[in-house]
């Protein structure tokens, strides 16, 4: 269970990008679909990073893992606001062919 939650927190922002793009595309007629998707992915990405490090340390299955996580210097949490836009952009580029295909199939 611990590893599953950690994996979901690590890739949760991809799920959010995918879901928000489809929700915005099919239910809202906005001009700034990609911008809104990017911003929601960025915010959820930051939340996932901070939640991941808290959860990984707090609920570690062994004390060795917990001590290893606590011994990290905090760089992922410190640099997350600056690096997350690049991760979201990369994730959006990876998901865009799938999103495009879903959006085209839905209208046929």
PDB file of N, CA and C in Angstrom:
ATOM      1  N   UNK A   1       0.825  -1.194   0.000  1.00  0.00           N
ATOM      2  CA  UNK A   1       0.000   0.000   0.000  1.00  0.00           C
ATOM      3  C   UNK A   1       0.871   1.260   0.000  1.00  0.00           C
ATOM      4  N   UNK A   2       1.943   1.231   0.790  1.00  0.00           N
ATOM      5  CA  UNK A   2       2.850   2.378   0.891  1.00  0.00           C
ATOM      6  C   UNK A   2       3.441   2.727  -0.472  1.00  0.00           C
ATOM      7  N   UNK A   3       3.919   1.725  -1.189  1.00  0.00           N
ATOM      8  CA  UNK A   3       4.538   1.961  -2.491  1.00  0.00           C
ATOM      9  C   UNK A   3       3.517   2.440  -3.518  1.00  0.00           C
ATOM     10  N   UNK A   4       2.312   1.945  -3.432  1.00  0.00           N
ATOM     11  CA  UNK A   4       1.264   2.369  -4.356  1.00  0.00           C
ATOM     12  C   UNK A   4       0.920   3.837  -4.153  1.00  0.00           C
ATOM     13  N   UNK A   5       0.781   4.248  -2.912  1.00  0.00           N
ATOM     14  CA  UNK A   5       0.473   5.651  -2.624  1.00  0.00           C
ATOM     15  C   UNK A   5       1.622   6.547  -3.056  1.00  0.00           C
ATOM     16  N   UNK A   6       2.853   6.118  -2.799  1.00  0.00           N
ATOM     17  CA  UNK A   6       4.015   6.909  -3.217  1.00  0.00           C
ATOM     18  C   UNK A   6       4.073   7.049  -4.737  1.00  0.00           C
ATOM     19  N   UNK A   7       3.782   5.982  -5.445  1.00  0.00           N
ATOM     20  CA  UNK A   7       3.779   6.040  -6.908  1.00  0.00           C
ATOM     21  C   UNK A   7       2.673   6.954  -7.416  1.00  0.00           C
ATOM     22  N   UNK A   8       1.495   6.877  -6.822  1.00  0.00           N
ATOM     23  CA  UNK A   8       0.406   7.773  -7.214  1.00  0.00           C
ATOM     24  C   UNK A   8       0.755   9.232  -6.954  1.00  0.00           C
ATOM     25  N   UNK A   9       1.427   9.491  -5.850  1.00  0.00           N
ATOM     26  CA  UNK A   9       1.833  10.867  -5.562  1.00  0.00           C
ATOM     27  C   UNK A   9       2.917  11.347  -6.517  1.00  0.00           C
ATOM     28  N   UNK A  10       3.778  10.451  -6.959  1.00  0.00           N
ATOM     29  CA  UNK A  10       4.826  10.846  -7.891  1.00  0.00           C
ATOM     30  C   UNK A  10       4.272  11.157  -9.275  1.00  0.00           C
ATOM     31  N   UNK A  11       3.237  10.449  -9.693  1.00  0.00           N
ATOM     32  CA  UNK A  11       2.691  10.644 -11.030  1.00  0.00           C
ATOM     33  C   UNK A  11       1.289  11.227 -11.019  1.00  0.00           C
ATOM     34  N   UNK A  12       0.859  11.758  -9.885  1.00  0.00           N
ATOM     35  CA  UNK A  12      -0.473  12.335  -9.777  1.00  0.00           C
ATOM     36  C   UNK A  12      -0.685  13.533 -10.666  1.00  0.00           C
ATOM     37  N   UNK A  13       0.347  14.292 -10.875  1.00  0.00           N
ATOM     38  CA  UNK A  13       0.212  15.480 -11.717  1.00  0.00           C
ATOM     39  C   UNK A  13      -0.080  15.097 -13.159  1.00  0.00           C
ATOM     40  N   UNK A  14       0.388  13.954 -13.624  1.00  0.00           N
ATOM     41  CA  UNK A  14       0.050  13.502 -14.978  1.00  0.00           C
ATOM     42  C   UNK A  14      -1.428  13.163 -15.095  1.00  0.00           C
ATOM     43  N   UNK A  15      -1.949  12.545 -14.067  1.00  0.00           N
ATOM     44  CA  UNK A  15      -3.372  12.209 -14.050  1.00  0.00           C
ATOM     45  C   UNK A  15      -4.200  13.491 -14.064  1.00  0.00           C
ATOM     46  N   UNK A  16      -3.749  14.496 -13.333  1.00  0.00           N
ATOM     47  CA  UNK A  16      -4.470  15.770 -13.280  1.00  0.00           C
ATOM     48  C   UNK A  16      -4.423  16.472 -14.630  1.00  0.00           C
ATOM     49  N   UNK A  17      -3.271  16.476 -15.283  1.00  0.00           N
ATOM     50  CA  UNK A  17      -3.179  17.099 -16.600  1.00  0.00           C
ATOM     51  C   UNK A  17      -4.145  16.417 -17.566  1.00  0.00           C
ATOM     52  N   UNK A  18      -4.141  15.114 -17.552  1.00  0.00           N
ATOM     53  CA  UNK A  18      -5.014  14.344 -18.440  1.00  0.00           C
ATOM     54  C   UNK A  18      -6.481  14.652 -18.165  1.00  0.00           C
ATOM     55  N   UNK A  19      -6.862  14.590 -16.900  1.00  0.00           N
ATOM     56  CA  UNK A  19      -8.270  14.793 -16.534  1.00  0.00           C
ATOM     57  C   UNK A  19      -8.720  16.229 -16.774  1.00  0.00           C
ATOM     58  N   UNK A  20      -7.917  17.202 -16.372  1.00  0.00           N
ATOM     59  CA  UNK A  20      -8.347  18.597 -16.546  1.00  0.00           C
ATOM     60  C   UNK A  20      -8.440  18.976 -18.014  1.00  0.00           C
ATOM     61  N   UNK A  21      -7.542  18.466 -18.821  1.00  0.00           N
ATOM     62  CA  UNK A  21      -7.641  18.789 -20.250  1.00  0.00           C
ATOM     63  C   UNK A  21      -8.944  18.247 -20.837  1.00  0.00           C
ATOM     64  N   UNK A  22      -9.287  17.011 -20.506  1.00  0.00           N
ATOM     65  CA  UNK A  22     -10.520  16.441 -21.039  1.00  0.00           C
ATOM     66  C   UNK A  22     -11.754  17.143 -20.489  1.00  0.00           C
ATOM     67  N   UNK A  23     -11.739  17.483 -19.213  1.00  0.00           N
ATOM     68  CA  UNK A  23     -12.875  18.200 -18.621  1.00  0.00           C
ATOM     69  C   UNK A  23     -13.042  19.567 -19.258  1.00  0.00           C
ATOM     70  N   UNK A  24     -11.947  20.276 -19.401  1.00  0.00           N
ATOM     71  CA  UNK A  24     -12.014  21.610 -19.991  1.00  0.00           C
ATOM     72  C   UNK A  24     -12.440  21.519 -21.459  1.00  0.00           C
ATOM     73  N   UNK A  25     -11.925  20.530 -22.166  1.00  0.00           N
ATOM     74  CA  UNK A  25     -12.243  20.412 -23.593  1.00  0.00           C
ATOM     75  C   UNK A  25     -13.709  20.074 -23.832  1.00  0.00           C
ATOM     76  N   UNK A  26     -14.260  19.164 -23.047  1.00  0.00           N
ATOM     77  CA  UNK A  26     -15.614  18.696 -23.311  1.00  0.00           C
ATOM     78  C   UNK A  26     -16.704  19.477 -22.580  1.00  0.00           C
ATOM     79  N   UNK A  27     -16.383  20.101 -21.468  1.00  0.00           N
ATOM     80  CA  UNK A  27     -17.432  20.755 -20.690  1.00  0.00           C
ATOM     81  C   UNK A  27     -17.340  22.277 -20.663  1.00  0.00           C
ATOM     82  N   UNK A  28     -16.186  22.825 -20.912  1.00  0.00           N
ATOM     83  CA  UNK A  28     -16.018  24.278 -20.889  1.00  0.00           C
ATOM     84  C   UNK A  28     -15.542  24.755 -22.248  1.00  0.00           C
ATOM     85  N   UNK A  29     -16.088  25.837 -22.670  1.00  0.00           N
ATOM     86  CA  UNK A  29     -15.665  26.425 -23.941  1.00  0.00           C
ATOM     87  C   UNK A  29     -14.802  27.647 -23.647  1.00  0.00           C
ATOM     88  N   UNK A  30     -13.571  27.380 -23.271  1.00  0.00           N
ATOM     89  CA  UNK A  30     -12.643  28.455 -22.941  1.00  0.00           C
ATOM     90  C   UNK A  30     -11.576  28.579 -24.016  1.00  0.00           C
ATOM     91  N   UNK A  31     -11.009  29.768 -24.126  1.00  0.00           N
ATOM     92  CA  UNK A  31      -9.942  29.984 -25.092  1.00  0.00           C
ATOM     93  C   UNK A  31      -8.590  29.549 -24.533  1.00  0.00           C
ATOM     94  N   UNK A  32      -8.452  29.547 -23.228  1.00  0.00           N
ATOM     95  CA  UNK A  32      -7.163  29.278 -22.612  1.00  0.00           C
ATOM     96  C   UNK A  32      -7.113  27.878 -22.006  1.00  0.00           C
ATOM     97  N   UNK A  33      -7.470  26.885 -22.797  1.00  0.00           N
ATOM     98  CA  UNK A  33      -7.530  25.517 -22.299  1.00  0.00           C
ATOM     99  C   UNK A  33      -6.155  25.002 -21.854  1.00  0.00           C
ATOM    100  N   UNK A  34      -5.164  25.212 -22.692  1.00  0.00           N
ATOM    101  CA  UNK A  34      -3.830  24.704 -22.373  1.00  0.00           C
ATOM    102  C   UNK A  34      -3.223  25.444 -21.184  1.00  0.00           C
ATOM    103  N   UNK A  35      -3.480  26.728 -21.081  1.00  0.00           N
ATOM    104  CA  UNK A  35      -2.959  27.501 -19.954  1.00  0.00           C
ATOM    105  C   UNK A  35      -3.594  27.046 -18.648  1.00  0.00           C
ATOM    106  N   UNK A  36      -4.892  26.850 -18.657  1.00  0.00           N
ATOM    107  CA  UNK A  36      -5.581  26.388 -17.462  1.00  0.00           C
ATOM    108  C   UNK A  36      -5.128  24.979 -17.077  1.00  0.00           C
ATOM    109  N   UNK A  37      -4.931  24.133 -18.075  1.00  0.00           N
ATOM    110  CA  UNK A  37      -4.432  22.786 -17.819  1.00  0.00           C
ATOM    111  C   UNK A  37      -3.023  22.841 -17.237  1.00  0.00           C
ATOM    112  N   UNK A  38      -2.180  23.702 -17.794  1.00  0.00           N
ATOM    113  CA  UNK A  38      -0.811  23.845 -17.307  1.00  0.00           C
ATOM    114  C   UNK A  38      -0.783  24.342 -15.867  1.00  0.00           C
ATOM    115  N   UNK A  39      -1.589  25.349 -15.563  1.00  0.00           N
ATOM    116  CA  UNK A  39      -1.621  25.889 -14.194  1.00  0.00           C
ATOM    117  C   UNK A  39      -2.147  24.876 -13.186  1.00  0.00           C
ATOM    118  N   UNK A  40      -3.178  24.147 -13.555  1.00  0.00           N
ATOM    119  CA  UNK A  40      -3.688  23.128 -12.629  1.00  0.00           C
ATOM    120  C   UNK A  40      -2.675  22.013 -12.446  1.00  0.00           C
ATOM    121  N   UNK A  41      -1.977  21.623 -13.506  1.00  0.00           N
ATOM    122  CA  UNK A  41      -0.934  20.612 -13.385  1.00  0.00           C
ATOM    123  C   UNK A  41       0.218  21.081 -12.518  1.00  0.00           C
ATOM    124  N   UNK A  42       0.565  22.364 -12.632  1.00  0.00           N
ATOM    125  CA  UNK A  42       1.642  22.934 -11.819  1.00  0.00           C
ATOM    126  C   UNK A  42       1.262  22.937 -10.339  1.00  0.00           C
ATOM    127  N   UNK A  43       0.076  23.404 -10.039  1.00  0.00           N
ATOM    128  CA  UNK A  43      -0.354  23.475  -8.634  1.00  0.00           C
ATOM    129  C   UNK A  43      -0.475  22.081  -8.036  1.00  0.00           C
ATOM    130  N   UNK A  44      -1.119  21.173  -8.743  1.00  0.00           N
ATOM    131  CA  UNK A  44      -1.250  19.809  -8.239  1.00  0.00           C
ATOM    132  C   UNK A  44       0.118  19.136  -8.182  1.00  0.00           C
ATOM    133  N   UNK A  45       0.997  19.457  -9.109  1.00  0.00           N
ATOM    134  CA  UNK A  45       2.354  18.912  -9.070  1.00  0.00           C
ATOM    135  C   UNK A  45       3.086  19.314  -7.804  1.00  0.00           C
ATOM    136  N   UNK A  46       2.979  20.565  -7.426  1.00  0.00           N
ATOM    137  CA  UNK A  46       3.610  21.024  -6.185  1.00  0.00           C
ATOM    138  C   UNK A  46       2.997  20.347  -4.972  1.00  0.00           C
ATOM    139  N   UNK A  47       1.687  20.237  -4.971  1.00  0.00           N
ATOM    140  CA  UNK A  47       1.013  19.559  -3.860  1.00  0.00           C
ATOM    141  C   UNK A  47       1.471  18.104  -3.777  1.00  0.00           C
ATOM    142  N   UNK A  48       1.598  17.453  -4.929  1.00  0.00           N
ATOM    143  CA  UNK A  48       2.047  16.053  -4.944  1.00  0.00           C
ATOM    144  C   UNK A  48       3.481  15.916  -4.434  1.00  0.00           C
ATOM    145  N   UNK A  49       4.356  16.837  -4.794  1.00  0.00           N
ATOM    146  CA  UNK A  49       5.753  16.767  -4.328  1.00  0.00           C
ATOM    147  C   UNK A  49       5.813  16.893  -2.813  1.00  0.00           C
ATOM    148  N   UNK A  50       5.159  17.898  -2.286  1.00  0.00           N
ATOM    149  CA  UNK A  50       5.210  18.115  -0.842  1.00  0.00           C
ATOM    150  C   UNK A  50       4.507  16.991  -0.080  1.00  0.00           C
ATOM    151  N   UNK A  51       3.380  16.509  -0.612  1.00  0.00           N
ATOM    152  CA  UNK A  51       2.669  15.412   0.036  1.00  0.00           C
ATOM    153  C   UNK A  51       3.470  14.123  -0.033  1.00  0.00           C
ATOM    154  N   UNK A  52       4.142  13.896  -1.155  1.00  0.00           N
ATOM    155  CA  UNK A  52       4.964  12.695  -1.298  1.00  0.00           C
ATOM    156  C   UNK A  52       6.059  12.646  -0.241  1.00  0.00           C
ATOM    157  N   UNK A  53       6.786  13.737  -0.083  1.00  0.00           N
ATOM    158  CA  UNK A  53       7.887  13.724   0.885  1.00  0.00           C
ATOM    159  C   UNK A  53       7.377  13.603   2.309  1.00  0.00           C
ATOM    160  N   UNK A  54       6.231  14.196   2.605  1.00  0.00           N
ATOM    161  CA  UNK A  54       5.655  14.036   3.942  1.00  0.00           C
ATOM    162  C   UNK A  54       5.205  12.602   4.155  1.00  0.00           C
ATOM    163  N   UNK A  55       4.456  12.055   3.196  1.00  0.00           N
ATOM    164  CA  UNK A  55       3.926  10.701   3.334  1.00  0.00           C
ATOM    165  C   UNK A  55       5.045   9.671   3.355  1.00  0.00           C
ATOM    166  N   UNK A  56       6.045   9.829   2.482  1.00  0.00           N
ATOM    167  CA  UNK A  56       7.140   8.854   2.418  1.00  0.00           C
ATOM    168  C   UNK A  56       7.912   8.791   3.725  1.00  0.00           C
ATOM    169  N   UNK A  57       8.077   9.914   4.379  1.00  0.00           N
ATOM    170  CA  UNK A  57       8.813   9.925   5.644  1.00  0.00           C
ATOM    171  C   UNK A  57       7.928   9.503   6.813  1.00  0.00           C
ATOM    172  N   UNK A  58       6.705   9.947   6.810  1.00  0.00           N
ATOM    173  CA  UNK A  58       5.826   9.698   7.950  1.00  0.00           C
ATOM    174  C   UNK A  58       5.355   8.245   8.033  1.00  0.00           C
ATOM    175  N   UNK A  59       5.092   7.641   6.895  1.00  0.00           N
ATOM    176  CA  UNK A  59       4.527   6.292   6.875  1.00  0.00           C
ATOM    177  C   UNK A  59       5.482   5.255   6.281  1.00  0.00           C
ATOM    178  N   UNK A  60       6.761   5.490   6.379  1.00  0.00           N
ATOM    179  CA  UNK A  60       7.754   4.539   5.865  1.00  0.00           C
ATOM    180  C   UNK A  60       7.601   3.199   6.586  1.00  0.00           C
ATOM    181  N   UNK A  61       7.730   2.093   5.854  1.00  0.00           N
ATOM    182  CA  UNK A  61       7.523   0.789   6.472  1.00  0.00           C
ATOM    183  C   UNK A  61       8.621   0.384   7.464  1.00  0.00           C
ATOM    184  N   UNK A  62       9.820   0.901   7.290  1.00  0.00           N
ATOM    185  CA  UNK A  62      10.910   0.572   8.223  1.00  0.00           C
ATOM    186  C   UNK A  62      11.585   1.858   8.675  1.00  0.00           C
ATOM    187  N   UNK A  63      12.280   1.754   9.777  1.00  0.00           N
ATOM    188  CA  UNK A  63      12.999   2.932  10.276  1.00  0.00           C
ATOM    189  C   UNK A  63      14.174   3.306   9.394  1.00  0.00           C
ATOM    190  N   UNK A  64      14.777   2.326   8.721  1.00  0.00           N
ATOM    191  CA  UNK A  64      15.887   2.631   7.818  1.00  0.00           C
ATOM    192  C   UNK A  64      15.431   3.524   6.666  1.00  0.00           C
ATOM    193  N   UNK A  65      14.279   3.181   6.101  1.00  0.00           N
ATOM    194  CA  UNK A  65      13.742   4.003   5.018  1.00  0.00           C
ATOM    195  C   UNK A  65      13.368   5.381   5.539  1.00  0.00           C
ATOM    196  N   UNK A  66      12.763   5.427   6.694  1.00  0.00           N
ATOM    197  CA  UNK A  66      12.381   6.703   7.280  1.00  0.00           C
ATOM    198  C   UNK A  66      13.611   7.570   7.546  1.00  0.00           C
ATOM    199  N   UNK A  67      14.663   6.986   8.091  1.00  0.00           N
ATOM    200  CA  UNK A  67      15.891   7.744   8.349  1.00  0.00           C
ATOM    201  C   UNK A  67      16.551   8.204   7.055  1.00  0.00           C
ATOM    202  N   UNK A  68      16.481   7.369   6.018  1.00  0.00           N
ATOM    203  CA  UNK A  68      17.059   7.769   4.732  1.00  0.00           C
ATOM    204  C   UNK A  68      16.300   8.955   4.142  1.00  0.00           C
ATOM    205  N   UNK A  69      14.991   8.924   4.254  1.00  0.00           N
ATOM    206  CA  UNK A  69      14.186  10.037   3.728  1.00  0.00           C
ATOM    207  C   UNK A  69      14.433  11.305   4.536  1.00  0.00           C
ATOM    208  N   UNK A  70      14.514  11.171   5.856  1.00  0.00           N
ATOM    209  CA  UNK A  70      14.786  12.348   6.688  1.00  0.00           C
ATOM    210  C   UNK A  70      16.192  12.883   6.471  1.00  0.00           C
ATOM    211  N   UNK A  71      17.109  12.039   6.011  1.00  0.00           N
ATOM    212  CA  UNK A  71      18.482  12.501   5.805  1.00  0.00           C
ATOM    213  C   UNK A  71      18.657  13.281   4.507  1.00  0.00           C
ATOM    214  N   UNK A  72      17.652  13.247   3.638  1.00  0.00           N
ATOM    215  CA  UNK A  72      17.732  14.029   2.393  1.00  0.00           C
ATOM    216  C   UNK A  72      17.827  15.501   2.751  1.00  0.00           C
ATOM    217  N   UNK A  73      18.469  16.240   1.897  1.00  0.00           N
ATOM    218  CA  UNK A  73      18.712  17.648   2.202  1.00  0.00           C
ATOM    219  C   UNK A  73      17.536  18.565   1.881  1.00  0.00           C
ATOM    220  N   UNK A  74      16.450  18.049   1.380  1.00  0.00           N
ATOM    221  CA  UNK A  74      15.276  18.871   1.088  1.00  0.00           C
ATOM    222  C   UNK A  74      15.309  19.514  -0.279  1.00  0.00           C
ATOM    223  N   UNK A  75      16.259  19.131  -1.110  1.00  0.00           N
ATOM    224  CA  UNK A  75      16.374  19.736  -2.441  1.00  0.00           C
ATOM    225  C   UNK A  75      15.125  19.524  -3.293  1.00  0.00           C
ATOM    226  N   UNK A  76      14.492  18.341  -3.294  1.00  0.00           N
ATOM    227  CA  UNK A  76      13.284  18.204  -4.120  1.00  0.00           C
ATOM    228  C   UNK A  76      12.181  19.185  -3.721  1.00  0.00           C
ATOM    229  N   UNK A  77      12.012  19.403  -2.428  1.00  0.00           N
ATOM    230  CA  UNK A  77      10.976  20.344  -1.989  1.00  0.00           C
ATOM    231  C   UNK A  77      11.390  21.784  -2.280  1.00  0.00           C
ATOM    232  N   UNK A  78      12.678  22.067  -2.198  1.00  0.00           N
ATOM    233  CA  UNK A  78      13.169  23.424  -2.422  1.00  0.00           C
ATOM    234  C   UNK A  78      13.084  23.819  -3.892  1.00  0.00           C
ATOM    235  N   UNK A  79      13.462  22.914  -4.775  1.00  0.00           N
ATOM    236  CA  UNK A  79      13.499  23.238  -6.203  1.00  0.00           C
ATOM    237  C   UNK A  79      12.214  22.904  -6.954  1.00  0.00           C
ATOM    238  N   UNK A  80      11.261  22.302  -6.295  1.00  0.00           N
ATOM    239  CA  UNK A  80      10.008  21.917  -6.960  1.00  0.00           C
ATOM    240  C   UNK A  80       9.296  23.091  -7.623  1.00  0.00           C
ATOM    241  N   UNK A  81       9.174  24.254  -6.992  1.00  0.00           N
ATOM    242  CA  UNK A  81       8.471  25.348  -7.675  1.00  0.00           C
ATOM    243  C   UNK A  81       9.152  25.814  -8.957  1.00  0.00           C
ATOM    244  N   UNK A  82      10.470  25.629  -9.044  1.00  0.00           N
ATOM    245  CA  UNK A  82      11.206  26.081 -10.220  1.00  0.00           C
ATOM    246  C   UNK A  82      11.284  25.015 -11.315  1.00  0.00           C
ATOM    247  N   UNK A  83      11.275  23.762 -10.930  1.00  0.00           N
ATOM    248  CA  UNK A  83      11.434  22.666 -11.881  1.00  0.00           C
ATOM    249  C   UNK A  83      10.088  22.129 -12.355  1.00  0.00           C
ATOM    250  N   UNK A  84       9.056  22.261 -11.561  1.00  0.00           N
ATOM    251  CA  UNK A  84       7.753  21.700 -11.903  1.00  0.00           C
ATOM    252  C   UNK A  84       7.196  22.203 -13.230  1.00  0.00           C
ATOM    253  N   UNK A  85       7.391  23.464 -13.632  1.00  0.00           N
ATOM    254  CA  UNK A  85       6.878  23.859 -14.956  1.00  0.00           C
ATOM    255  C   UNK A  85       7.454  23.020 -16.093  1.00  0.00           C
ATOM    256  N   UNK A  86       8.717  22.639 -15.984  1.00  0.00           N
ATOM    257  CA  UNK A  86       9.333  21.819 -17.027  1.00  0.00           C
ATOM    258  C   UNK A  86       8.765  20.404 -17.026  1.00  0.00           C
ATOM    259  N   UNK A  87       8.497  19.861 -15.830  1.00  0.00           N
ATOM    260  CA  UNK A  87       7.875  18.548 -15.740  1.00  0.00           C
ATOM    261  C   UNK A  87       6.457  18.576 -16.309  1.00  0.00           C
ATOM    262  N   UNK A  88       5.719  19.612 -16.002  1.00  0.00           N
ATOM    263  CA  UNK A  88       4.346  19.719 -16.500  1.00  0.00           C
ATOM    264  C   UNK A  88       4.353  19.886 -18.021  1.00  0.00           C
ATOM    265  N   UNK A  89       5.257  20.693 -18.532  1.00  0.00           N
ATOM    266  CA  UNK A  89       5.363  20.872 -19.980  1.00  0.00           C
ATOM    267  C   UNK A  89       5.720  19.552 -20.658  1.00  0.00           C
ATOM    268  N   UNK A  90       6.675  18.823 -20.105  1.00  0.00           N
ATOM    269  CA  UNK A  90       7.058  17.530 -20.654  1.00  0.00           C
ATOM    270  C   UNK A  90       5.886  16.540 -20.581  1.00  0.00           C
ATOM    271  N   UNK A  91       5.205  16.512 -19.451  1.00  0.00           N
ATOM    272  CA  UNK A  91       4.052  15.619 -19.297  1.00  0.00           C
ATOM    273  C   UNK A  91       2.945  15.954 -20.279  1.00  0.00           C
ATOM    274  N   UNK A  92       2.706  17.241 -20.465  1.00  0.00           N
ATOM    275  CA  UNK A  92       1.669  17.654 -21.401  1.00  0.00           C
ATOM    276  C   UNK A  92       2.042  17.278 -22.831  1.00  0.00           C
ATOM    277  N   UNK A  93       3.315  17.418 -23.185  1.00  0.00           N
ATOM    278  CA  UNK A  93       3.766  17.034 -24.520  1.00  0.00           C
ATOM    279  C   UNK A  93       3.649  15.525 -24.737  1.00  0.00           C
ATOM    280  N   UNK A  94       3.930  14.756 -23.704  1.00  0.00           N
ATOM    281  CA  UNK A  94       3.808  13.298 -23.807  1.00  0.00           C
ATOM    282  C   UNK A  94       2.346  12.892 -23.937  1.00  0.00           C
ATOM    283  N   UNK A  95       1.477  13.541 -23.188  1.00  0.00           N
ATOM    284  CA  UNK A  95       0.052  13.181 -23.201  1.00  0.00           C
ATOM    285  C   UNK A  95      -0.724  13.776 -24.373  1.00  0.00           C
ATOM    286  N   UNK A  96      -0.191  14.797 -25.025  1.00  0.00           N
ATOM    287  CA  UNK A  96      -0.957  15.497 -26.050  1.00  0.00           C
ATOM    288  C   UNK A  96      -1.391  14.610 -27.215  1.00  0.00           C
ATOM    289  N   UNK A  97      -0.588  13.654 -27.703  1.00  0.00           N
ATOM    290  CA  UNK A  97      -1.132  12.791 -28.775  1.00  0.00           C
ATOM    291  C   UNK A  97      -2.330  11.959 -28.316  1.00  0.00           C
ATOM    292  N   UNK A  98      -2.288  11.470 -27.103  1.00  0.00           N
ATOM    293  CA  UNK A  98      -3.400  10.683 -26.574  1.00  0.00           C
ATOM    294  C   UNK A  98      -4.629  11.561 -26.394  1.00  0.00           C
ATOM    295  N   UNK A  99      -4.412  12.763 -25.841  1.00  0.00           N
ATOM    296  CA  UNK A  99      -5.528  13.696 -25.656  1.00  0.00           C
ATOM    297  C   UNK A  99      -6.128  14.104 -26.993  1.00  0.00           C
ATOM    298  N   UNK A 100      -5.289  14.376 -27.970  1.00  0.00           N
ATOM    299  CA  UNK A 100      -5.767  14.759 -29.292  1.00  0.00           C
ATOM    300  C   UNK A 100      -6.613  13.647 -29.898  1.00  0.00           C
ATOM    301  N   UNK A 101      -6.141  12.408 -29.760  1.00  0.00           N
ATOM    302  CA  UNK A 101      -6.865  11.262 -30.306  1.00  0.00           C
ATOM    303  C   UNK A 101      -8.226  11.092 -29.632  1.00  0.00           C
ATOM    304  N   UNK A 102      -8.268  11.212 -28.324  1.00  0.00           N
ATOM    305  CA  UNK A 102      -9.537  11.094 -27.592  1.00  0.00           C
ATOM    306  C   UNK A 102     -10.507  12.194 -28.005  1.00  0.00           C
ATOM    307  N   UNK A 103     -10.000  13.413 -28.123  1.00  0.00           N
ATOM    308  CA  UNK A 103     -10.865  14.530 -28.509  1.00  0.00           C
ATOM    309  C   UNK A 103     -11.386  14.376 -29.940  1.00  0.00           C
ATOM    310  N   UNK A 104     -10.585  13.838 -30.833  1.00  0.00           N
ATOM    311  CA  UNK A 104     -11.038  13.641 -32.216  1.00  0.00           C
ATOM    312  C   UNK A 104     -12.028  12.475 -32.321  1.00  0.00           C
ATOM    313  N   UNK A 105     -11.800  11.403 -31.592  1.00  0.00           N
ATOM    314  CA  UNK A 105     -12.700  10.255 -31.645  1.00  0.00           C
ATOM    315  C   UNK A 105     -14.061  10.613 -31.056  1.00  0.00           C
ATOM    316  N   UNK A 106     -14.077  11.410 -30.030  1.00  0.00           N
ATOM    317  CA  UNK A 106     -15.330  11.779 -29.353  1.00  0.00           C
ATOM    318  C   UNK A 106     -16.258  12.537 -30.294  1.00  0.00           C
ATOM    319  N   UNK A 107     -15.710  13.351 -31.177  1.00  0.00           N
ATOM    320  CA  UNK A 107     -16.541  14.163 -32.054  1.00  0.00           C
ATOM    321  C   UNK A 107     -16.952  13.455 -33.333  1.00  0.00           C
ATOM    322  N   UNK A 108     -16.485  12.254 -33.584  1.00  0.00           N
ATOM    323  CA  UNK A 108     -16.861  11.533 -34.816  1.00  0.00           C
ATOM    324  C   UNK A 108     -18.050  10.673 -34.598  1.00  0.00           C
TER     325      UNK A 108
END
